[in-house]
PDB file of all heavy atoms in Angstrom:
ATOM      1  N   LEU A   1      -4.164  -1.772  10.807  1.00  0.00           N
ATOM      2  CA  LEU A   1      -3.157  -2.569  10.170  1.00  0.00           C
ATOM      3  C   LEU A   1      -2.426  -1.857   9.101  1.00  0.00           C
ATOM      4  O   LEU A   1      -1.245  -1.856   8.937  1.00  0.00           O
ATOM      5  CB  LEU A   1      -3.742  -3.793   9.610  1.00  0.00           C
ATOM      6  CG  LEU A   1      -2.810  -4.931   9.189  1.00  0.00           C
ATOM      7  CD1 LEU A   1      -1.957  -5.322  10.381  1.00  0.00           C
ATOM      8  CD2 LEU A   1      -3.541  -6.188   8.844  1.00  0.00           C
ATOM      9  N   SER A   2      -3.217  -0.963   8.329  1.00  0.00           N
ATOM     10  CA  SER A   2      -2.658  -0.205   7.223  1.00  0.00           C
ATOM     11  C   SER A   2      -1.788   0.834   7.835  1.00  0.00           C
ATOM     12  O   SER A   2      -0.759   1.261   7.179  1.00  0.00           O
ATOM     13  CB  SER A   2      -3.686   0.370   6.306  1.00  0.00           C
ATOM     14  OG  SER A   2      -4.377   1.474   6.962  1.00  0.00           O
ATOM     15  N   LEU A   3      -2.161   1.470   9.017  1.00  0.00           N
ATOM     16  CA  LEU A   3      -1.309   2.437   9.624  1.00  0.00           C
ATOM     17  C   LEU A   3       0.107   1.833  10.158  1.00  0.00           C
ATOM     18  O   LEU A   3       1.182   2.381   9.852  1.00  0.00           O
ATOM     19  CB  LEU A   3      -1.967   3.063  10.799  1.00  0.00           C
ATOM     20  CG  LEU A   3      -3.165   3.991  10.473  1.00  0.00           C
ATOM     21  CD1 LEU A   3      -3.859   4.400  11.733  1.00  0.00           C
ATOM     22  CD2 LEU A   3      -2.729   5.231   9.700  1.00  0.00           C
ATOM     23  N   ILE A   4      -0.018   0.580  10.676  1.00  0.00           N
ATOM     24  CA  ILE A   4       1.111  -0.095  11.044  1.00  0.00           C
ATOM     25  C   ILE A   4       2.098  -0.397   9.790  1.00  0.00           C
ATOM     26  O   ILE A   4       3.322  -0.175   9.930  1.00  0.00           O
ATOM     27  CB  ILE A   4       0.825  -1.441  11.830  1.00  0.00           C
ATOM     28  CG1 ILE A   4       0.196  -1.036  13.205  1.00  0.00           C
ATOM     29  CG2 ILE A   4       2.040  -2.241  12.029  1.00  0.00           C
ATOM     30  CD1 ILE A   4      -0.573  -2.272  13.849  1.00  0.00           C
ATOM     31  N   GLU A   5       1.369  -0.825   8.689  1.00  0.00           N
ATOM     32  CA  GLU A   5       2.153  -1.166   7.530  1.00  0.00           C
ATOM     33  C   GLU A   5       2.841   0.142   7.036  1.00  0.00           C
ATOM     34  O   GLU A   5       3.939   0.074   6.499  1.00  0.00           O
ATOM     35  CB  GLU A   5       1.326  -1.788   6.451  1.00  0.00           C
ATOM     36  CG  GLU A   5       0.961  -3.281   6.753  1.00  0.00           C
ATOM     37  CD  GLU A   5       2.131  -4.195   6.806  1.00  0.00           C
ATOM     38  OE1 GLU A   5       3.114  -3.953   6.101  1.00  0.00           O
ATOM     39  OE2 GLU A   5       2.103  -5.044   7.689  1.00  0.00           O
ATOM     40  N   GLY A   6       2.130   1.324   7.101  1.00  0.00           N
ATOM     41  CA  GLY A   6       2.755   2.520   6.694  1.00  0.00           C
ATOM     42  C   GLY A   6       3.912   2.829   7.625  1.00  0.00           C
ATOM     43  O   GLY A   6       5.008   3.341   7.104  1.00  0.00           O
ATOM     44  N   THR A   7       3.849   2.559   8.840  1.00  0.00           N
ATOM     45  CA  THR A   7       4.982   2.812   9.752  1.00  0.00           C
ATOM     46  C   THR A   7       6.182   1.947   9.463  1.00  0.00           C
ATOM     47  O   THR A   7       7.248   2.405   9.318  1.00  0.00           O
ATOM     48  CB  THR A   7       4.535   2.649  11.160  1.00  0.00           C
ATOM     49  OG1 THR A   7       3.465   3.362  11.547  1.00  0.00           O
ATOM     50  CG2 THR A   7       5.639   2.957  12.138  1.00  0.00           C
ATOM     51  N   LEU A   8       5.826   0.704   9.067  1.00  0.00           N
ATOM     52  CA  LEU A   8       6.964  -0.204   8.676  1.00  0.00           C
ATOM     53  C   LEU A   8       7.505   0.164   7.295  1.00  0.00           C
ATOM     54  O   LEU A   8       8.779   0.053   7.175  1.00  0.00           O
ATOM     55  CB  LEU A   8       6.359  -1.642   8.599  1.00  0.00           C
ATOM     56  CG  LEU A   8       6.195  -2.401   9.877  1.00  0.00           C
ATOM     57  CD1 LEU A   8       5.374  -3.732   9.661  1.00  0.00           C
ATOM     58  CD2 LEU A   8       7.473  -2.722  10.619  1.00  0.00           C
ATOM     59  N   ASP A   9       6.753   0.798   6.405  1.00  0.00           N
ATOM     60  CA  ASP A   9       7.316   1.273   5.205  1.00  0.00           C
ATOM     61  C   ASP A   9       8.270   2.421   5.420  1.00  0.00           C
ATOM     62  O   ASP A   9       9.300   2.466   4.760  1.00  0.00           O
ATOM     63  CB  ASP A   9       6.115   1.846   4.335  1.00  0.00           C
ATOM     64  CG  ASP A   9       5.378   0.657   3.678  1.00  0.00           C
ATOM     65  OD1 ASP A   9       5.875  -0.507   3.656  1.00  0.00           O
ATOM     66  OD2 ASP A   9       4.321   0.989   2.967  1.00  0.00           O
ATOM     67  N   ILE A  10       8.000   3.241   6.365  1.00  0.00           N
ATOM     68  CA  ILE A  10       8.949   4.371   6.765  1.00  0.00           C
ATOM     69  C   ILE A  10      10.318   3.745   7.104  1.00  0.00           C
ATOM     70  O   ILE A  10      11.309   4.206   6.596  1.00  0.00           O
ATOM     71  CB  ILE A  10       8.451   5.336   7.782  1.00  0.00           C
ATOM     72  CG1 ILE A  10       7.183   6.082   7.244  1.00  0.00           C
ATOM     73  CG2 ILE A  10       9.540   6.193   8.359  1.00  0.00           C
ATOM     74  CD1 ILE A  10       6.490   6.716   8.313  1.00  0.00           C
ATOM     75  N   ALA A  11      10.246   2.766   8.000  1.00  0.00           N
ATOM     76  CA  ALA A  11      11.465   2.136   8.428  1.00  0.00           C
ATOM     77  C   ALA A  11      12.177   1.445   7.243  1.00  0.00           C
ATOM     78  O   ALA A  11      13.468   1.469   7.127  1.00  0.00           O
ATOM     79  CB  ALA A  11      11.221   1.075   9.545  1.00  0.00           C
ATOM     80  N   ARG A  12      11.324   0.804   6.360  1.00  0.00           N
ATOM     81  CA  ARG A  12      11.995   0.190   5.157  1.00  0.00           C
ATOM     82  C   ARG A  12      12.559   1.138   4.227  1.00  0.00           C
ATOM     83  O   ARG A  12      13.750   0.889   3.744  1.00  0.00           O
ATOM     84  CB  ARG A  12      10.981  -0.633   4.445  1.00  0.00           C
ATOM     85  CG  ARG A  12      10.407  -1.890   5.103  1.00  0.00           C
ATOM     86  CD  ARG A  12       9.352  -2.697   4.385  1.00  0.00           C
ATOM     87  NE  ARG A  12       8.840  -3.695   5.186  1.00  0.00           N
ATOM     88  CZ  ARG A  12       7.518  -3.688   5.393  1.00  0.00           C
ATOM     89  NH1 ARG A  12       6.676  -2.863   4.959  1.00  0.00           N
ATOM     90  NH2 ARG A  12       6.969  -4.706   6.192  1.00  0.00           N
ATOM     91  N   ILE A  13      11.964   2.277   4.030  1.00  0.00           N
ATOM     92  CA  ILE A  13      12.548   3.315   3.161  1.00  0.00           C
ATOM     93  C   ILE A  13      13.794   3.841   3.739  1.00  0.00           C
ATOM     94  O   ILE A  13      14.836   3.943   3.076  1.00  0.00           O
ATOM     95  CB  ILE A  13      11.505   4.533   2.966  1.00  0.00           C
ATOM     96  CG1 ILE A  13      10.293   4.032   2.244  1.00  0.00           C
ATOM     97  CG2 ILE A  13      12.180   5.686   2.370  1.00  0.00           C
ATOM     98  CD1 ILE A  13       9.131   5.034   2.248  1.00  0.00           C
ATOM     99  N   GLU A  14      13.813   4.133   5.068  1.00  0.00           N
ATOM    100  CA  GLU A  14      15.053   4.616   5.736  1.00  0.00           C
ATOM    101  C   GLU A  14      16.259   3.549   5.547  1.00  0.00           C
ATOM    102  O   GLU A  14      17.391   3.970   5.578  1.00  0.00           O
ATOM    103  CB  GLU A  14      14.857   4.988   7.194  1.00  0.00           C
ATOM    104  CG  GLU A  14      13.937   6.216   7.316  1.00  0.00           C
ATOM    105  CD  GLU A  14      13.597   6.598   8.785  1.00  0.00           C
ATOM    106  OE1 GLU A  14      13.741   5.629   9.607  1.00  0.00           O
ATOM    107  OE2 GLU A  14      13.187   7.654   8.986  1.00  0.00           O
ATOM    108  N   ALA A  15      15.818   2.276   5.611  1.00  0.00           N
ATOM    109  CA  ALA A  15      16.855   1.277   5.562  1.00  0.00           C
ATOM    110  C   ALA A  15      17.165   0.913   4.153  1.00  0.00           C
ATOM    111  O   ALA A  15      17.996   0.035   3.831  1.00  0.00           O
ATOM    112  CB  ALA A  15      16.338   0.020   6.337  1.00  0.00           C
ATOM    113  N   GLY A  16      16.559   1.536   3.154  1.00  0.00           N
ATOM    114  CA  GLY A  16      16.703   1.240   1.689  1.00  0.00           C
ATOM    115  C   GLY A  16      16.273  -0.111   1.328  1.00  0.00           C
ATOM    116  O   GLY A  16      16.772  -0.739   0.389  1.00  0.00           O
ATOM    117  N   LYS A  17      15.115  -0.731   2.015  1.00  0.00           N
ATOM    118  CA  LYS A  17      14.671  -2.054   1.774  1.00  0.00           C
ATOM    119  C   LYS A  17      13.218  -2.054   1.348  1.00  0.00           C
ATOM    120  O   LYS A  17      12.568  -3.025   1.533  1.00  0.00           O
ATOM    121  CB  LYS A  17      14.902  -2.889   2.971  1.00  0.00           C
ATOM    122  CG  LYS A  17      16.316  -2.990   3.289  1.00  0.00           C
ATOM    123  CD  LYS A  17      16.505  -3.859   4.548  1.00  0.00           C
ATOM    124  CE  LYS A  17      18.042  -4.069   4.895  1.00  0.00           C
ATOM    125  NZ  LYS A  17      18.175  -4.905   6.107  1.00  0.00           N
ATOM    126  N   LEU A  18      12.594  -0.997   0.920  1.00  0.00           N
ATOM    127  CA  LEU A  18      11.258  -0.993   0.504  1.00  0.00           C
ATOM    128  C   LEU A  18      11.051  -1.661  -0.866  1.00  0.00           C
ATOM    129  O   LEU A  18      11.725  -1.349  -1.902  1.00  0.00           O
ATOM    130  CB  LEU A  18      10.660   0.462   0.434  1.00  0.00           C
ATOM    131  CG  LEU A  18       9.234   0.556  -0.061  1.00  0.00           C
ATOM    132  CD1 LEU A  18       8.344  -0.017   1.110  1.00  0.00           C
ATOM    133  CD2 LEU A  18       8.873   2.012  -0.308  1.00  0.00           C
ATOM    134  N   HIS A  19      10.155  -2.599  -0.943  1.00  0.00           N
ATOM    135  CA  HIS A  19       9.905  -3.431  -2.204  1.00  0.00           C
ATOM    136  C   HIS A  19       8.468  -3.087  -2.529  1.00  0.00           C
ATOM    137  O   HIS A  19       7.634  -3.106  -1.797  1.00  0.00           O
ATOM    138  CB  HIS A  19      10.155  -4.918  -2.031  1.00  0.00           C
ATOM    139  CG  HIS A  19      11.533  -5.256  -1.655  1.00  0.00           C
ATOM    140  ND1 HIS A  19      12.579  -5.145  -2.585  1.00  0.00           N
ATOM    141  CD2 HIS A  19      12.082  -5.695  -0.475  1.00  0.00           C
ATOM    142  CE1 HIS A  19      13.697  -5.552  -1.904  1.00  0.00           C
ATOM    143  NE2 HIS A  19      13.409  -5.820  -0.707  1.00  0.00           N
ATOM    144  N   LEU A  20       8.284  -2.859  -3.827  1.00  0.00           N
ATOM    145  CA  LEU A  20       6.883  -2.579  -4.319  1.00  0.00           C
ATOM    146  C   LEU A  20       6.368  -3.851  -4.796  1.00  0.00           C
ATOM    147  O   LEU A  20       7.042  -4.626  -5.510  1.00  0.00           O
ATOM    148  CB  LEU A  20       6.919  -1.557  -5.473  1.00  0.00           C
ATOM    149  CG  LEU A  20       7.387  -0.023  -4.994  1.00  0.00           C
ATOM    150  CD1 LEU A  20       7.451   0.861  -6.171  1.00  0.00           C
ATOM    151  CD2 LEU A  20       6.426   0.512  -3.998  1.00  0.00           C
ATOM    152  N   ASN A  21       5.066  -4.093  -4.688  1.00  0.00           N
ATOM    153  CA  ASN A  21       4.432  -5.351  -5.151  1.00  0.00           C
ATOM    154  C   ASN A  21       3.530  -4.834  -6.180  1.00  0.00           C
ATOM    155  O   ASN A  21       2.296  -4.586  -6.005  1.00  0.00           O
ATOM    156  CB  ASN A  21       3.650  -5.977  -4.091  1.00  0.00           C
ATOM    157  CG  ASN A  21       4.515  -6.489  -2.952  1.00  0.00           C
ATOM    158  OD1 ASN A  21       5.542  -7.123  -3.227  1.00  0.00           O
ATOM    159  ND2 ASN A  21       4.310  -6.212  -1.658  1.00  0.00           N
ATOM    160  N   ARG A  22       4.060  -4.876  -7.440  1.00  0.00           N
ATOM    161  CA  ARG A  22       3.190  -4.300  -8.617  1.00  0.00           C
ATOM    162  C   ARG A  22       2.356  -5.579  -9.026  1.00  0.00           C
ATOM    163  O   ARG A  22       2.608  -6.665  -9.067  1.00  0.00           O
ATOM    164  CB  ARG A  22       4.122  -3.866  -9.677  1.00  0.00           C
ATOM    165  CG  ARG A  22       4.941  -2.761  -9.277  1.00  0.00           C
ATOM    166  CD  ARG A  22       5.709  -2.109 -10.609  1.00  0.00           C
ATOM    167  NE  ARG A  22       6.521  -1.084 -10.217  1.00  0.00           N
ATOM    168  CZ  ARG A  22       7.925  -1.201  -9.967  1.00  0.00           C
ATOM    169  NH1 ARG A  22       8.551  -2.224 -10.234  1.00  0.00           N
ATOM    170  NH2 ARG A  22       8.560  -0.171  -9.589  1.00  0.00           N
ATOM    171  N   GLY A  23       1.120  -5.064  -9.446  1.00  0.00           N
ATOM    172  CA  GLY A  23       0.209  -6.020  -9.948  1.00  0.00           C
ATOM    173  C   GLY A  23      -0.889  -5.339 -10.758  1.00  0.00           C
ATOM    174  O   GLY A  23      -0.876  -3.993 -10.730  1.00  0.00           O
ATOM    175  N   GLU A  24      -1.798  -5.990 -11.323  1.00  0.00           N
ATOM    176  CA  GLU A  24      -2.883  -5.432 -12.046  1.00  0.00           C
ATOM    177  C   GLU A  24      -3.959  -4.915 -11.107  1.00  0.00           C
ATOM    178  O   GLU A  24      -4.311  -5.522 -10.129  1.00  0.00           O
ATOM    179  CB  GLU A  24      -3.474  -6.409 -13.014  1.00  0.00           C
ATOM    180  CG  GLU A  24      -2.696  -6.688 -14.231  1.00  0.00           C
ATOM    181  CD  GLU A  24      -3.342  -7.506 -15.309  1.00  0.00           C
ATOM    182  OE1 GLU A  24      -4.492  -7.960 -14.988  1.00  0.00           O
ATOM    183  OE2 GLU A  24      -2.892  -7.762 -16.278  1.00  0.00           O
ATOM    184  N   ILE A  25      -4.295  -3.690 -11.382  1.00  0.00           N
ATOM    185  CA  ILE A  25      -5.393  -3.099 -10.518  1.00  0.00           C
ATOM    186  C   ILE A  25      -6.574  -2.649 -11.412  1.00  0.00           C
ATOM    187  O   ILE A  25      -6.416  -1.978 -12.457  1.00  0.00           O
ATOM    188  CB  ILE A  25      -4.850  -1.820  -9.867  1.00  0.00           C
ATOM    189  CG1 ILE A  25      -3.710  -2.202  -8.858  1.00  0.00           C
ATOM    190  CG2 ILE A  25      -5.900  -1.117  -9.017  1.00  0.00           C
ATOM    191  CD1 ILE A  25      -2.873  -0.960  -8.333  1.00  0.00           C
ATOM    192  N   HIS A  26      -7.738  -3.212 -11.140  1.00  0.00           N
ATOM    193  CA  HIS A  26      -8.881  -2.869 -11.886  1.00  0.00           C
ATOM    194  C   HIS A  26      -9.456  -1.567 -11.311  1.00  0.00           C
ATOM    195  O   HIS A  26      -9.960  -1.578 -10.053  1.00  0.00           O
ATOM    196  CB  HIS A  26      -9.898  -3.997 -11.784  1.00  0.00           C
ATOM    197  CG  HIS A  26      -9.436  -5.271 -12.375  1.00  0.00           C
ATOM    198  ND1 HIS A  26      -9.637  -5.473 -13.784  1.00  0.00           N
ATOM    199  CD2 HIS A  26      -8.633  -6.259 -11.955  1.00  0.00           C
ATOM    200  CE1 HIS A  26      -9.084  -6.581 -14.122  1.00  0.00           C
ATOM    201  NE2 HIS A  26      -8.443  -7.141 -13.063  1.00  0.00           N
ATOM    202  N   LEU A  27      -9.371  -0.480 -12.007  1.00  0.00           N
ATOM    203  CA  LEU A  27      -9.689   0.777 -11.496  1.00  0.00           C
ATOM    204  C   LEU A  27     -10.986   0.953 -10.759  1.00  0.00           C
ATOM    205  O   LEU A  27     -11.136   1.424  -9.617  1.00  0.00           O
ATOM    206  CB  LEU A  27      -9.428   1.847 -12.500  1.00  0.00           C
ATOM    207  CG  LEU A  27      -9.469   3.395 -11.965  1.00  0.00           C
ATOM    208  CD1 LEU A  27      -8.545   3.572 -10.872  1.00  0.00           C
ATOM    209  CD2 LEU A  27      -9.366   4.315 -13.114  1.00  0.00           C
ATOM    210  N   THR A  28     -12.091   0.634 -11.439  1.00  0.00           N
ATOM    211  CA  THR A  28     -13.376   0.719 -10.976  1.00  0.00           C
ATOM    212  C   THR A  28     -13.613  -0.005  -9.695  1.00  0.00           C
ATOM    213  O   THR A  28     -14.074   0.521  -8.638  1.00  0.00           O
ATOM    214  CB  THR A  28     -14.453   0.268 -11.940  1.00  0.00           C
ATOM    215  OG1 THR A  28     -14.273   1.070 -13.172  1.00  0.00           O
ATOM    216  CG2 THR A  28     -15.905   0.486 -11.507  1.00  0.00           C
ATOM    217  N   GLU A  29     -13.008  -1.318  -9.595  1.00  0.00           N
ATOM    218  CA  GLU A  29     -13.202  -2.059  -8.409  1.00  0.00           C
ATOM    219  C   GLU A  29     -12.385  -1.464  -7.284  1.00  0.00           C
ATOM    220  O   GLU A  29     -12.807  -1.419  -6.067  1.00  0.00           O
ATOM    221  CB  GLU A  29     -12.815  -3.412  -8.695  1.00  0.00           C
ATOM    222  CG  GLU A  29     -12.825  -4.484  -7.690  1.00  0.00           C
ATOM    223  CD  GLU A  29     -12.282  -5.829  -8.057  1.00  0.00           C
ATOM    224  OE1 GLU A  29     -12.593  -6.298  -9.221  1.00  0.00           O
ATOM    225  OE2 GLU A  29     -11.543  -6.417  -7.367  1.00  0.00           O
ATOM    226  N   PHE A  30     -11.178  -0.996  -7.610  1.00  0.00           N
ATOM    227  CA  PHE A  30     -10.298  -0.490  -6.642  1.00  0.00           C
ATOM    228  C   PHE A  30     -10.925   0.762  -6.004  1.00  0.00           C
ATOM    229  O   PHE A  30     -10.930   1.037  -4.760  1.00  0.00           O
ATOM    230  CB  PHE A  30      -8.887  -0.123  -7.349  1.00  0.00           C
ATOM    231  CG  PHE A  30      -7.967   0.456  -6.334  1.00  0.00           C
ATOM    232  CD1 PHE A  30      -7.199  -0.383  -5.469  1.00  0.00           C
ATOM    233  CD2 PHE A  30      -7.620   1.770  -6.344  1.00  0.00           C
ATOM    234  CE1 PHE A  30      -6.229   0.147  -4.610  1.00  0.00           C
ATOM    235  CE2 PHE A  30      -6.648   2.372  -5.420  1.00  0.00           C
ATOM    236  CZ  PHE A  30      -5.957   1.517  -4.539  1.00  0.00           C
ATOM    237  N   LEU A  31     -11.402   1.706  -6.937  1.00  0.00           N
ATOM    238  CA  LEU A  31     -12.110   2.891  -6.401  1.00  0.00           C
ATOM    239  C   LEU A  31     -13.268   2.664  -5.500  1.00  0.00           C
ATOM    240  O   LEU A  31     -13.611   3.231  -4.495  1.00  0.00           O
ATOM    241  CB  LEU A  31     -12.496   3.822  -7.549  1.00  0.00           C
ATOM    242  CG  LEU A  31     -11.303   4.456  -8.294  1.00  0.00           C
ATOM    243  CD1 LEU A  31     -11.883   5.188  -9.428  1.00  0.00           C
ATOM    244  CD2 LEU A  31     -10.528   5.422  -7.435  1.00  0.00           C
ATOM    245  N   GLN A  32     -14.094   1.608  -5.889  1.00  0.00           N
ATOM    246  CA  GLN A  32     -15.222   1.225  -5.163  1.00  0.00           C
ATOM    247  C   GLN A  32     -14.882   0.721  -3.678  1.00  0.00           C
ATOM    248  O   GLN A  32     -15.532   1.037  -2.731  1.00  0.00           O
ATOM    249  CB  GLN A  32     -16.095   0.146  -5.794  1.00  0.00           C
ATOM    250  CG  GLN A  32     -17.288  -0.076  -5.170  1.00  0.00           C
ATOM    251  CD  GLN A  32     -18.191   1.177  -5.177  1.00  0.00           C
ATOM    252  OE1 GLN A  32     -18.530   1.849  -6.080  1.00  0.00           O
ATOM    253  NE2 GLN A  32     -18.772   1.536  -3.911  1.00  0.00           N
ATOM    254  N   GLN A  33     -13.753  -0.002  -3.625  1.00  0.00           N
ATOM    255  CA  GLN A  33     -13.255  -0.350  -2.317  1.00  0.00           C
ATOM    256  C   GLN A  33     -12.867   0.855  -1.455  1.00  0.00           C
ATOM    257  O   GLN A  33     -13.296   0.837  -0.210  1.00  0.00           O
ATOM    258  CB  GLN A  33     -12.087  -1.277  -2.470  1.00  0.00           C
ATOM    259  CG  GLN A  33     -12.382  -2.661  -2.927  1.00  0.00           C
ATOM    260  CD  GLN A  33     -11.122  -3.570  -3.267  1.00  0.00           C
ATOM    261  OE1 GLN A  33      -9.962  -3.099  -3.191  1.00  0.00           O
ATOM    262  NE2 GLN A  33     -11.351  -4.757  -3.669  1.00  0.00           N
ATOM    263  N   MET A  34     -12.219   1.774  -2.090  1.00  0.00           N
ATOM    264  CA  MET A  34     -11.883   3.055  -1.317  1.00  0.00           C
ATOM    265  C   MET A  34     -13.114   3.738  -0.911  1.00  0.00           C
ATOM    266  O   MET A  34     -13.169   4.238   0.224  1.00  0.00           O
ATOM    267  CB  MET A  34     -11.081   3.928  -2.234  1.00  0.00           C
ATOM    268  CG  MET A  34      -9.664   3.351  -2.537  1.00  0.00           C
ATOM    269  SD  MET A  34      -8.567   2.947  -1.123  1.00  0.00           S
ATOM    270  CE  MET A  34      -8.286   4.529  -0.535  1.00  0.00           C
ATOM    271  N   VAL A  35     -14.140   3.847  -1.755  1.00  0.00           N
ATOM    272  CA  VAL A  35     -15.441   4.433  -1.350  1.00  0.00           C
ATOM    273  C   VAL A  35     -16.093   3.716  -0.344  1.00  0.00           C
ATOM    274  O   VAL A  35     -16.473   4.474   0.650  1.00  0.00           O
ATOM    275  CB  VAL A  35     -16.338   4.561  -2.594  1.00  0.00           C
ATOM    276  CG1 VAL A  35     -17.800   4.840  -2.196  1.00  0.00           C
ATOM    277  CG2 VAL A  35     -15.775   5.436  -3.714  1.00  0.00           C
ATOM    278  N   ASN A  36     -16.065   2.470  -0.295  1.00  0.00           N
ATOM    279  CA  ASN A  36     -16.708   1.650   0.763  1.00  0.00           C
ATOM    280  C   ASN A  36     -16.007   1.995   2.067  1.00  0.00           C
ATOM    281  O   ASN A  36     -16.690   2.211   3.074  1.00  0.00           O
ATOM    282  CB  ASN A  36     -16.636   0.189   0.493  1.00  0.00           C
ATOM    283  CG  ASN A  36     -17.488  -0.296  -0.664  1.00  0.00           C
ATOM    284  OD1 ASN A  36     -18.401   0.407  -1.053  1.00  0.00           O
ATOM    285  ND2 ASN A  36     -17.201  -1.428  -1.157  1.00  0.00           N
ATOM    286  N   MET A  37     -14.684   2.057   2.122  1.00  0.00           N
ATOM    287  CA  MET A  37     -13.933   2.332   3.305  1.00  0.00           C
ATOM    288  C   MET A  37     -14.233   3.708   3.811  1.00  0.00           C
ATOM    289  O   MET A  37     -14.607   3.932   5.077  1.00  0.00           O
ATOM    290  CB  MET A  37     -12.445   2.204   3.130  1.00  0.00           C
ATOM    291  CG  MET A  37     -11.618   2.474   4.415  1.00  0.00           C
ATOM    292  SD  MET A  37      -9.823   2.101   4.025  1.00  0.00           S
ATOM    293  CE  MET A  37      -9.430   3.602   3.125  1.00  0.00           C
TER     294      MET A  37
END
């Protein structure tokens, strides 16, 4: 699903329609999720 979303992001970038969803990220928790994956 993340690969598909990345592919869609490429299409959005090319179309000039990429939107960022900014939010708060708790670094330790975020890194732990990456480690788990």
